[in-house]
N, C-alpha and C. Protein backbone atom coordinates (compact mmCIF):
# COMPACT_ATOMS: atom_id res chain seq x y z
N UNK A 1 -30.66 37.63 42.21
CA UNK A 1 -31.27 37.70 40.63
C UNK A 1 -32.33 36.20 40.99
N UNK A 2 -33.39 36.42 40.19
CA UNK A 2 -34.21 35.28 39.98
C UNK A 2 -33.68 34.37 38.84
N UNK A 3 -33.85 33.06 39.12
CA UNK A 3 -33.41 32.18 38.18
C UNK A 3 -34.55 32.37 36.89
N UNK A 4 -34.01 32.22 35.96
CA UNK A 4 -35.26 32.54 34.61
C UNK A 4 -35.28 31.01 34.47
N UNK A 5 -36.52 30.96 34.46
CA UNK A 5 -37.07 29.36 33.88
C UNK A 5 -37.01 29.17 32.32
N UNK A 6 -36.59 28.09 32.01
CA UNK A 6 -37.03 27.84 30.60
C UNK A 6 -38.07 27.50 30.01
N UNK A 7 -38.53 27.98 29.37
CA UNK A 7 -39.98 27.67 28.93
C UNK A 7 -40.40 26.43 28.07
N UNK A 8 -39.28 26.14 27.21
CA UNK A 8 -39.33 25.19 26.41
C UNK A 8 -38.26 24.17 26.88
N UNK A 9 -38.31 23.16 27.98
CA UNK A 9 -37.19 22.20 28.55
C UNK A 9 -37.55 21.42 27.34
N UNK A 10 -38.27 20.98 26.69
CA UNK A 10 -38.23 19.69 25.99
C UNK A 10 -37.21 20.03 24.67
N UNK A 11 -37.44 21.21 24.46
CA UNK A 11 -36.60 21.59 23.05
C UNK A 11 -35.27 21.68 23.47
N UNK A 12 -34.74 22.10 24.51
CA UNK A 12 -33.23 22.39 25.07
C UNK A 12 -32.81 21.01 25.08
N UNK A 13 -33.60 19.85 25.69
CA UNK A 13 -33.10 18.66 25.74
C UNK A 13 -32.87 17.90 24.19
N UNK A 14 -33.67 18.42 23.14
CA UNK A 14 -33.64 18.16 22.07
C UNK A 14 -32.31 18.50 21.20
N UNK A 15 -32.23 19.70 21.39
CA UNK A 15 -31.15 20.44 20.95
C UNK A 15 -29.79 19.83 21.45
N UNK A 16 -29.82 19.52 22.85
CA UNK A 16 -28.48 19.41 23.37
C UNK A 16 -28.36 17.59 22.91
N UNK A 17 -29.19 16.83 22.67
CA UNK A 17 -28.94 15.59 22.07
C UNK A 17 -28.55 15.59 20.74
N UNK A 18 -29.17 16.36 20.16
CA UNK A 18 -28.87 16.65 18.34
C UNK A 18 -27.72 16.91 18.49
N UNK A 19 -27.04 17.86 19.20
CA UNK A 19 -25.64 18.57 19.30
C UNK A 19 -24.91 17.51 19.72
N UNK A 20 -25.03 16.61 20.69
CA UNK A 20 -24.32 15.54 20.75
C UNK A 20 -23.80 14.74 19.76
N UNK A 21 -25.30 14.22 18.89
CA UNK A 21 -25.18 13.31 18.05
C UNK A 21 -24.50 13.78 16.83
N UNK A 22 -24.53 15.24 16.63
CA UNK A 22 -23.87 15.72 15.54
C UNK A 22 -22.16 15.87 15.76
N UNK A 23 -22.09 16.15 17.20
CA UNK A 23 -20.36 15.96 17.26
C UNK A 23 -19.98 14.41 17.21
N UNK A 24 -20.92 13.31 17.45
CA UNK A 24 -20.58 12.14 17.27
C UNK A 24 -20.19 11.47 15.70
N UNK A 25 -21.15 12.13 14.91
CA UNK A 25 -21.11 12.19 13.49
C UNK A 25 -19.79 12.69 13.01
N UNK A 26 -19.50 13.72 13.50
CA UNK A 26 -18.16 14.72 12.66
C UNK A 26 -16.99 13.85 13.06
N UNK A 27 -17.01 13.50 14.38
CA UNK A 27 -15.88 12.48 15.15
C UNK A 27 -15.59 11.43 14.08
N UNK A 28 -16.89 10.73 14.06
CA UNK A 28 -16.97 9.42 12.83
C UNK A 28 -16.23 9.80 11.61
N UNK A 29 -16.76 10.95 10.86
CA UNK A 29 -16.34 11.57 9.55
C UNK A 29 -14.88 11.70 9.74
N UNK A 30 -14.11 12.31 10.66
CA UNK A 30 -13.00 12.59 10.78
C UNK A 30 -12.02 11.41 10.67
N UNK A 31 -12.52 10.09 11.66
CA UNK A 31 -11.75 9.23 11.67
C UNK A 31 -11.95 8.36 10.29
N UNK A 32 -13.31 8.42 9.58
CA UNK A 32 -13.24 7.61 8.29
C UNK A 32 -12.16 8.40 7.27
N UNK A 33 -12.14 9.83 7.42
CA UNK A 33 -11.37 10.30 6.53
C UNK A 33 -9.86 10.03 6.90
N UNK A 34 -9.59 10.00 8.09
CA UNK A 34 -7.90 9.70 8.33
C UNK A 34 -7.95 8.29 8.03
N UNK A 35 -9.02 7.53 7.94
CA UNK A 35 -8.55 5.94 7.42
C UNK A 35 -8.52 5.95 6.16
N UNK A 36 -9.31 6.80 5.04
CA UNK A 36 -9.33 6.89 3.84
C UNK A 36 -7.74 7.57 3.25
N UNK A 37 -7.39 8.40 4.14
CA UNK A 37 -6.00 9.03 3.76
C UNK A 37 -4.84 7.75 3.89
N UNK A 38 -4.97 7.29 4.96
CA UNK A 38 -3.99 6.18 5.48
C UNK A 38 -4.19 5.18 4.33
N UNK A 39 -5.43 4.85 3.83
CA UNK A 39 -5.27 3.84 2.46
C UNK A 39 -4.98 3.99 1.48
N UNK A 40 -5.11 5.38 1.17
CA UNK A 40 -4.55 5.99 0.07
C UNK A 40 -3.06 5.67 -0.02
N UNK A 41 -2.38 6.29 1.00
CA UNK A 41 -0.97 6.53 1.27
C UNK A 41 -0.53 5.09 1.12
N UNK A 42 -1.11 4.02 1.59
CA UNK A 42 -0.66 2.56 1.47
C UNK A 42 -1.03 2.12 0.05
N UNK A 43 -1.80 2.65 -0.52
CA UNK A 43 -2.04 2.05 -1.91
C UNK A 43 -1.05 2.62 -2.96
N UNK A 44 -0.67 3.98 -2.62
CA UNK A 44 0.58 4.47 -3.30
C UNK A 44 1.78 3.65 -2.98
N UNK A 45 1.87 3.53 -1.91
CA UNK A 45 3.21 3.07 -1.44
C UNK A 45 3.34 1.37 -2.04
N UNK A 46 2.06 0.67 -1.93
CA UNK A 46 2.32 -0.83 -2.83
C UNK A 46 2.51 -0.60 -4.12
N UNK A 47 1.72 0.42 -4.58
CA UNK A 47 1.93 0.49 -6.16
C UNK A 47 3.11 0.86 -6.69
N UNK A 48 3.99 1.88 -5.80
CA UNK A 48 5.23 1.99 -6.02
C UNK A 48 6.23 0.80 -5.87
N UNK A 49 6.19 -0.22 -5.08
CA UNK A 49 6.65 -1.43 -4.50
C UNK A 49 6.49 -2.29 -6.09
N UNK A 50 5.11 -2.42 -6.10
CA UNK A 50 4.72 -3.21 -7.21
C UNK A 50 5.60 -2.84 -8.58
N UNK A 51 5.58 -1.80 -8.88
CA UNK A 51 6.26 -1.42 -10.13
C UNK A 51 7.80 -1.51 -10.43
N UNK A 52 8.61 -1.33 -8.82
CA UNK A 52 9.51 -1.47 -8.59
C UNK A 52 9.79 -3.27 -8.57
N UNK A 53 8.99 -3.88 -8.24
CA UNK A 53 9.19 -5.47 -8.43
C UNK A 53 9.38 -5.63 -10.02
N UNK A 54 8.10 -5.07 -10.56
CA UNK A 54 7.90 -5.51 -12.10
C UNK A 54 9.27 -5.06 -12.95
N UNK A 55 10.12 -3.74 -12.49
CA UNK A 55 10.80 -3.41 -13.05
C UNK A 55 12.13 -4.53 -13.11
N UNK A 56 12.44 -4.85 -12.02
CA UNK A 56 13.46 -5.86 -11.36
C UNK A 56 13.29 -7.14 -12.18
N UNK A 57 11.69 -7.70 -12.62
CA UNK A 57 11.61 -8.78 -13.04
C UNK A 57 12.05 -8.47 -14.46
N UNK A 58 11.61 -7.48 -15.01
CA UNK A 58 11.76 -7.27 -16.60
C UNK A 58 13.31 -7.18 -16.47
N UNK A 59 14.31 -6.91 -16.18
CA UNK A 59 15.78 -6.69 -16.28
C UNK A 59 15.99 -8.24 -15.87
N UNK A 60 15.57 -8.92 -15.16
CA UNK A 60 15.72 -10.75 -14.93
C UNK A 60 15.50 -11.19 -16.23
N UNK A 61 14.06 -11.07 -16.63
CA UNK A 61 13.84 -11.49 -17.82
C UNK A 61 14.63 -11.39 -19.11
N UNK A 62 15.10 -10.04 -19.34
CA UNK A 62 15.97 -9.63 -20.30
C UNK A 62 17.25 -10.11 -20.17
N UNK A 63 18.00 -10.45 -18.92
CA UNK A 63 18.99 -11.01 -18.90
C UNK A 63 19.10 -12.74 -19.22
N UNK A 64 17.81 -12.93 -18.86
CA UNK A 64 17.76 -14.65 -19.14
C UNK A 64 17.69 -14.99 -20.74
N UNK A 65 16.97 -13.73 -21.11
CA UNK A 65 16.54 -13.95 -22.74
C UNK A 65 18.28 -14.05 -23.32
N UNK A 66 19.01 -13.19 -22.91
CA UNK A 66 20.08 -12.92 -23.85
C UNK A 66 21.12 -14.16 -23.33
N UNK A 67 20.89 -14.99 -21.89
CA UNK A 67 21.62 -16.07 -21.59
C UNK A 67 20.71 -17.13 -22.68
N UNK A 68 20.04 -17.11 -22.60
CA UNK A 68 19.15 -18.24 -23.59
C UNK A 68 19.68 -18.21 -25.14
N UNK A 69 19.79 -16.93 -25.58
CA UNK A 69 20.42 -16.94 -26.84
C UNK A 69 21.70 -17.00 -26.82
N UNK A 70 22.49 -16.80 -26.16
CA UNK A 70 23.88 -17.19 -25.93
C UNK A 70 23.78 -18.78 -25.99
N UNK A 71 23.16 -19.29 -25.16
CA UNK A 71 23.30 -21.02 -25.17
C UNK A 71 22.54 -21.34 -26.66
N UNK A 72 21.88 -20.84 -27.07
CA UNK A 72 21.22 -21.16 -28.28
C UNK A 72 22.32 -21.28 -29.37
N UNK A 73 22.99 -20.13 -29.22
CA UNK A 73 24.25 -20.08 -30.19
C UNK A 73 25.24 -21.12 -30.01
N UNK A 74 25.62 -21.31 -28.54
CA UNK A 74 26.67 -22.32 -28.45
C UNK A 74 26.27 -23.58 -28.65
N UNK A 75 24.99 -24.15 -28.85
CA UNK A 75 24.77 -25.14 -29.03
C UNK A 75 24.84 -25.71 -30.41
N UNK A 76 24.22 -24.33 -31.42
CA UNK A 76 24.42 -24.34 -33.01
C UNK A 76 25.89 -24.62 -33.10
N UNK A 77 26.73 -24.02 -32.63
CA UNK A 77 28.31 -24.48 -32.85
C UNK A 77 28.50 -25.55 -32.61
N UNK A 78 28.34 -26.10 -31.33
CA UNK A 78 28.50 -27.70 -31.07
C UNK A 78 27.73 -28.65 -32.15
N UNK A 79 26.69 -28.34 -32.51
CA UNK A 79 25.63 -29.28 -33.52
C UNK A 79 26.62 -29.05 -34.72
N UNK A 80 27.06 -27.85 -35.28
CA UNK A 80 27.90 -27.93 -36.44
C UNK A 80 29.33 -28.60 -35.99
N UNK A 81 29.87 -28.35 -35.09
CA UNK A 81 31.38 -29.23 -35.00
C UNK A 81 31.20 -30.77 -34.98
N UNK A 82 30.13 -31.29 -34.32
CA UNK A 82 29.55 -32.41 -33.96
C UNK A 82 29.24 -33.45 -35.25
N UNK A 83 28.87 -32.57 -36.40
CA UNK A 83 28.44 -32.63 -37.66
C UNK A 83 29.88 -32.97 -38.53
N UNK A 84 31.00 -32.38 -38.23
CA UNK A 84 32.41 -32.73 -39.17
C UNK A 84 33.25 -33.70 -38.22
N UNK A 85 32.77 -34.17 -37.34
CA UNK A 85 33.28 -35.21 -36.60
C UNK A 85 32.98 -36.53 -37.48
N UNK A 86 34.37 -37.56 -37.21
CA UNK A 86 33.73 -38.87 -37.99
C UNK A 86 33.23 -39.54 -37.03
N UNK A 87 32.15 -40.86 -37.53
CA UNK A 87 31.16 -41.50 -36.96
C UNK A 87 32.02 -42.60 -36.11
N UNK A 88 31.68 -43.57 -35.44
CA UNK A 88 32.25 -44.57 -34.88
C UNK A 88 32.50 -45.91 -36.05
N UNK A 89 31.36 -45.88 -36.84
CA UNK A 89 31.35 -47.04 -37.99
C UNK A 89 32.58 -46.57 -38.46
N UNK A 90 32.63 -45.23 -39.01
CA UNK A 90 34.14 -44.55 -40.05
C UNK A 90 35.17 -44.97 -39.62
N UNK A 91 35.58 -44.93 -38.15
CA UNK A 91 36.91 -44.81 -37.26
C UNK A 91 36.99 -46.68 -37.50
N UNK A 92 35.97 -47.29 -36.97
CA UNK A 92 36.13 -48.80 -37.13
C UNK A 92 36.49 -49.20 -38.71
N UNK A 93 35.93 -48.75 -39.48
CA UNK A 93 36.47 -49.23 -40.99
C UNK A 93 38.24 -48.79 -41.18
N UNK A 94 38.44 -47.50 -40.50
CA UNK A 94 39.82 -47.07 -40.69
C UNK A 94 40.63 -47.97 -40.04
N UNK A 95 40.35 -48.45 -38.67
CA UNK A 95 40.90 -49.43 -37.87
C UNK A 95 41.20 -50.63 -38.66
N UNK A 96 40.04 -51.03 -39.44
CA UNK A 96 40.55 -52.56 -39.85
C UNK A 96 41.42 -52.32 -41.11
N UNK A 97 41.31 -51.22 -42.08
CA UNK A 97 42.23 -50.99 -42.95
C UNK A 97 43.23 -51.02 -42.56
N UNK A 98 43.50 -50.38 -41.55
CA UNK A 98 44.93 -50.11 -40.63
C UNK A 98 45.56 -51.37 -40.24
N UNK A 99 44.62 -52.03 -39.58
CA UNK A 99 45.28 -53.47 -39.19
C UNK A 99 45.68 -54.55 -40.43
N UNK A 100 44.84 -54.20 -41.55
CA UNK A 100 45.10 -55.01 -42.92
C UNK A 100 46.57 -54.69 -43.49
N UNK A 101 46.96 -53.19 -43.37
CA UNK A 101 48.12 -52.80 -44.12
C UNK A 101 49.26 -52.61 -42.76
N UNK A 102 49.15 -53.41 -41.65
CA UNK A 102 50.18 -53.20 -40.61
C UNK A 102 51.19 -54.20 -40.98
N UNK A 103 51.17 -55.31 -41.48
CA UNK A 103 51.84 -56.23 -41.43
C UNK A 103 52.90 -55.78 -42.72
N UNK A 104 52.44 -55.00 -43.73
CA UNK A 104 53.31 -54.54 -44.44
C UNK A 104 54.20 -53.27 -44.22
N UNK A 105 53.66 -52.58 -43.02
CA UNK A 105 54.38 -51.55 -42.59
C UNK A 105 55.49 -51.80 -41.42
N UNK A 106 55.20 -53.07 -41.00
CA UNK A 106 56.04 -53.85 -40.07
C UNK A 106 57.54 -54.12 -40.73
N UNK A 107 57.23 -54.71 -41.87
CA UNK A 107 58.30 -55.17 -42.77
C UNK A 107 59.29 -54.31 -43.24
N UNK A 108 58.68 -53.08 -43.73
CA UNK A 108 59.47 -52.06 -44.18
C UNK A 108 60.36 -51.43 -43.14
N UNK A 109 60.06 -51.40 -41.78
CA UNK A 109 60.91 -50.68 -40.92
C UNK A 109 62.46 -51.59 -40.97
N UNK A 110 62.20 -52.70 -41.18
CA UNK A 110 63.52 -53.90 -41.05
C UNK A 110 64.45 -53.35 -42.31
């Protein structure tokens, strides 16, 4: 059999080159698609982690707020109690008065 000669050798070369470039572009497009899917999965995963951390922080803040309220209540109670205590100057006055009456008290013991 005789070999058939290609009447359009330039077109065959062009089509072959075009086919190669098309496959390269399809491969690049597939790689970009895979990367985008991976980035999307990472974003979803990161979002879930951030939402979990935010929820934990909210719980901690609520706990700290309740502790702060408890401390405020305790301080208010302490302030009320302190206001009911005698001042040093008042105790000193009572001490002087006691010393004034002490000789009379000692005499009555005998």
